[in-house]
Amino acid sequence: MKAKSTIIITLMFSSLIMLEGCYSYNSITENENIEAKLKIDDNALIVLTDGSSIETEAYRHIEVTQPMEVVTGYGMQCRGTTNLRRFCDTMDVGLLDSLGMCTIDDEQFFVCWLKDGTFVRFKDEDYLYISKNAEKGLWCVGKLDVNGRKSIVKRIIRTDEMKEISIKEFSIVKTSLLFITGIPAVLMTLFFMLWTGPG
């Protein structure tokens, strides 16, 4: 039983490492019109001129170029106590029934009630609410890294603050190399574990 558990854990860990290795960052600079290049469904690492960086994921950032009132983020759409589906999108506040903070199972969520009777709940680090008076620029929520010290931030990033944006992309070349070299290594490890037994 212990050997089986160890094998399962090994497979899961190896799969995560291989999956992460299938991605790479493609950098763009301020001369390439950063805002136009960064799409709302991109995962990105934004490097600032002060040397710090912000890692932000899909639908946790949005470029504000004109007055708008929207909610964008990654959450869970529910009906009552039933989870219906993962939600990853942007909603026009004018099309919502209402919105606000709500406590669910002793945890605080930002909740958007839809007109069909369902609602979408977001954790604080997974959504942005953009008001009509929001300043123009790139708004994001993500992990701020200042000399290795990390924290969650929700803020606007002005153009003159941005040094570089690296967009996380799926790499076919890396994926191929990982499967060619990674799978045999995992199989050899599992074979050795099975051969030697639980000890």
Protein backbone atom coordinates (compact mmCIF):
# COMPACT_ATOMS: atom_id res chain seq x y z
CA MET A 1 0.00 0.00 0.00
CA LYS A 2 2.85 2.31 0.91
CA ALA A 3 4.63 1.50 -2.35
CA LYS A 4 1.49 2.28 -4.38
CA SER A 5 1.08 5.63 -2.60
CA THR A 6 4.71 6.48 -3.29
CA ILE A 7 4.30 5.63 -6.98
CA ILE A 8 1.17 7.79 -7.31
CA ILE A 9 2.88 10.74 -5.62
CA THR A 10 5.92 10.29 -7.87
CA LEU A 11 3.75 10.28 -11.00
CA MET A 12 1.84 13.39 -9.92
CA PHE A 13 5.02 15.28 -9.03
CA SER A 14 6.71 14.30 -12.28
CA SER A 15 3.67 15.31 -14.32
CA LEU A 16 3.56 18.76 -12.69
CA ILE A 17 7.25 19.34 -13.38
CA MET A 18 6.89 18.25 -17.00
CA LEU A 19 3.76 20.36 -17.53
CA GLU A 20 5.43 23.48 -16.11
CA GLY A 21 8.43 22.83 -18.33
CA CYS A 22 6.20 22.91 -21.42
CA TYR A 23 5.79 26.67 -21.00
CA SER A 24 8.18 29.51 -21.75
CA TYR A 25 8.08 33.31 -21.44
CA ASN A 26 8.07 35.45 -24.58
CA SER A 27 9.25 38.98 -23.75
CA ILE A 28 7.97 42.22 -25.24
CA THR A 29 9.35 45.67 -24.51
CA GLU A 30 7.85 49.14 -24.30
CA ASN A 31 8.82 49.79 -27.91
CA GLU A 32 6.44 47.06 -29.03
CA ASN A 33 3.28 48.66 -27.58
CA ILE A 34 3.01 46.57 -24.42
CA GLU A 35 -0.69 47.15 -23.81
CA ALA A 36 -1.67 46.06 -27.32
CA LYS A 37 0.45 42.88 -27.12
CA LEU A 38 -0.88 41.74 -23.71
CA LYS A 39 -4.21 39.95 -24.14
CA ILE A 40 -6.65 39.54 -21.26
CA ASP A 41 -6.31 35.73 -21.33
CA ASP A 42 -2.48 35.84 -21.12
CA ASN A 43 -0.46 34.79 -18.09
CA ALA A 44 2.29 37.37 -17.74
CA LEU A 45 5.27 38.52 -15.72
CA ILE A 46 5.46 42.32 -15.65
CA VAL A 47 8.88 43.76 -14.83
CA LEU A 48 8.82 47.31 -13.48
CA THR A 49 11.45 50.02 -13.82
CA ASP A 50 12.24 49.86 -10.09
CA GLY A 51 13.38 46.24 -10.43
CA SER A 52 10.29 44.65 -8.89
CA SER A 53 7.92 42.40 -10.84
CA ILE A 54 4.27 41.36 -10.82
CA GLU A 55 3.10 37.92 -11.92
CA THR A 56 -0.50 38.08 -13.12
CA GLU A 57 -2.69 35.39 -14.64
CA ALA A 58 -5.45 35.31 -17.24
CA TYR A 59 -8.40 37.63 -16.54
CA ARG A 60 -6.57 39.16 -13.56
CA HIS A 61 -5.46 42.12 -15.67
CA ILE A 62 -7.22 44.51 -18.02
CA GLU A 63 -6.23 47.58 -20.03
CA VAL A 64 -8.50 50.56 -19.32
CA THR A 65 -8.57 52.97 -22.26
CA GLN A 66 -12.02 54.50 -21.74
CA PRO A 67 -14.66 54.67 -18.99
CA MET A 68 -16.06 51.22 -18.20
CA GLU A 69 -17.50 49.32 -15.27
CA VAL A 70 -16.59 45.65 -15.37
CA VAL A 71 -15.57 42.72 -13.20
CA THR A 72 -12.91 40.41 -14.54
CA GLY A 73 -11.42 37.38 -12.86
CA TYR A 74 -11.29 33.68 -12.14
CA GLY A 75 -13.95 32.28 -9.82
CA MET A 76 -16.77 29.79 -9.39
CA GLN A 77 -20.30 30.10 -10.75
CA CYS A 78 -22.84 28.71 -8.30
CA ARG A 79 -26.54 28.20 -7.77
CA GLY A 80 -27.34 28.14 -4.08
CA THR A 81 -24.83 25.78 -2.48
CA THR A 82 -24.08 23.96 -5.75
CA ASN A 83 -20.93 24.71 -7.73
CA LEU A 84 -21.83 24.79 -11.43
CA ARG A 85 -18.58 25.57 -13.24
CA ARG A 86 -15.29 27.42 -13.11
CA PHE A 87 -15.67 31.00 -14.30
CA CYS A 88 -12.92 32.82 -16.19
CA ASP A 89 -14.27 35.88 -17.99
CA THR A 90 -15.15 39.58 -17.88
CA MET A 91 -18.63 40.83 -16.99
CA ASP A 92 -20.26 44.18 -17.68
CA VAL A 93 -21.60 45.41 -14.32
CA GLY A 94 -24.64 46.88 -16.08
CA LEU A 95 -25.76 43.35 -16.98
CA LEU A 96 -25.53 42.08 -13.40
CA ASP A 97 -28.31 41.95 -10.85
CA SER A 98 -26.03 43.11 -8.01
CA LEU A 99 -22.56 42.70 -6.55
CA GLY A 100 -20.78 42.96 -3.22
CA MET A 101 -18.85 41.17 -0.49
CA CYS A 102 -20.30 38.02 1.01
CA THR A 103 -19.23 35.44 3.60
CA ILE A 104 -19.52 31.83 2.43
CA ASP A 105 -18.41 28.98 4.73
CA ASP A 106 -16.59 31.49 6.96
CA GLU A 107 -14.60 32.82 3.99
CA GLN A 108 -14.92 36.26 2.40
CA PHE A 109 -15.73 36.45 -1.32
CA PHE A 110 -16.56 39.15 -3.83
CA VAL A 111 -19.86 38.02 -5.34
CA CYS A 112 -21.62 38.96 -8.57
CA TRP A 113 -25.28 37.94 -8.77
CA LEU A 114 -26.45 37.21 -12.32
CA LYS A 115 -29.96 37.76 -13.62
CA ASP A 116 -30.48 34.01 -14.16
CA GLY A 117 -30.37 33.40 -10.41
CA THR A 118 -26.79 32.14 -10.29
CA PHE A 119 -23.83 33.99 -8.83
CA VAL A 120 -20.08 34.08 -9.36
CA ARG A 121 -17.79 34.24 -6.34
CA PHE A 122 -14.18 35.41 -6.41
CA LYS A 123 -11.36 35.27 -3.91
CA ASP A 124 -9.73 38.65 -3.33
CA GLU A 125 -6.59 37.73 -5.27
CA ASP A 126 -8.57 36.46 -8.27
CA TYR A 127 -10.63 39.41 -9.49
CA LEU A 128 -10.62 43.07 -10.47
CA TYR A 129 -13.51 45.48 -10.19
CA ILE A 130 -13.06 48.40 -12.56
CA SER A 131 -15.24 51.42 -11.78
CA LYS A 132 -16.33 54.07 -14.26
CA ASN A 133 -13.87 56.50 -12.66
CA ALA A 134 -10.88 54.15 -12.92
CA GLU A 135 -7.69 55.77 -14.17
CA LYS A 136 -6.56 54.78 -17.66
CA GLY A 137 -3.78 52.21 -17.74
CA LEU A 138 -3.07 48.53 -17.13
CA TRP A 139 -4.87 47.30 -14.01
CA CYS A 140 -3.87 43.98 -12.51
CA VAL A 141 -3.99 41.76 -9.45
CA GLY A 142 -1.08 39.41 -8.88
CA LYS A 143 2.02 38.46 -6.96
CA LEU A 144 4.44 41.34 -6.39
CA ASP A 145 8.08 40.33 -6.00
CA VAL A 146 10.40 42.90 -4.41
CA ASN A 147 13.88 41.47 -3.84
CA GLY A 148 12.42 38.05 -3.15
CA ARG A 149 9.67 39.32 -0.81
CA LYS A 150 6.30 38.37 -2.28
CA SER A 151 2.84 39.77 -1.61
CA ILE A 152 -0.52 40.11 -3.36
CA VAL A 153 -1.20 43.50 -4.97
CA LYS A 154 -4.13 45.01 -6.81
CA ARG A 155 -3.12 48.18 -8.65
CA ILE A 156 -2.69 50.16 -11.83
CA ILE A 157 0.60 49.99 -13.73
CA ARG A 158 1.32 53.09 -15.77
CA THR A 159 3.23 52.89 -19.04
CA ASP A 160 6.27 54.73 -17.66
CA GLU A 161 6.49 52.15 -14.83
CA MET A 162 6.77 49.17 -17.18
CA LYS A 163 10.14 47.90 -18.34
CA GLU A 164 9.12 44.59 -19.87
CA ILE A 165 6.29 42.10 -20.06
CA SER A 166 6.97 38.38 -20.50
CA ILE A 167 3.99 36.36 -21.70
CA LYS A 168 3.79 32.71 -20.68
CA GLU A 169 3.30 30.59 -23.78
CA PHE A 170 3.01 26.88 -24.53
CA SER A 171 6.24 25.66 -26.16
CA ILE A 172 5.97 22.78 -28.66
CA VAL A 173 9.76 22.34 -28.74
CA LYS A 174 10.08 22.15 -24.95
CA THR A 175 7.12 19.79 -24.76
CA SER A 176 8.64 17.44 -27.31
CA LEU A 177 12.03 17.42 -25.59
CA LEU A 178 10.46 16.84 -22.18
CA PHE A 179 8.41 13.89 -23.40
CA ILE A 180 11.41 12.39 -25.19
CA THR A 181 13.71 12.69 -22.16
CA GLY A 182 11.27 12.89 -19.24
CA ILE A 183 9.01 9.89 -19.77
CA PRO A 184 11.87 7.32 -19.92
CA ALA A 185 13.34 8.80 -16.73
CA VAL A 186 10.00 8.52 -14.91
CA LEU A 187 9.48 4.94 -16.13
CA MET A 188 12.99 3.94 -15.03
CA THR A 189 12.33 5.41 -11.56
CA LEU A 190 9.03 3.55 -11.23
CA PHE A 191 10.61 0.30 -12.44
CA PHE A 192 13.38 0.64 -9.86
CA MET A 193 10.83 1.30 -7.08
CA LEU A 194 8.77 -1.72 -8.08
CA TRP A 195 11.83 -3.93 -8.45
CA THR A 196 13.29 -3.03 -5.05
CA GLY A 197 9.90 -3.26 -3.32
CA PRO A 198 8.77 -1.37 -0.19
CA GLY A 199 12.09 -1.93 1.52
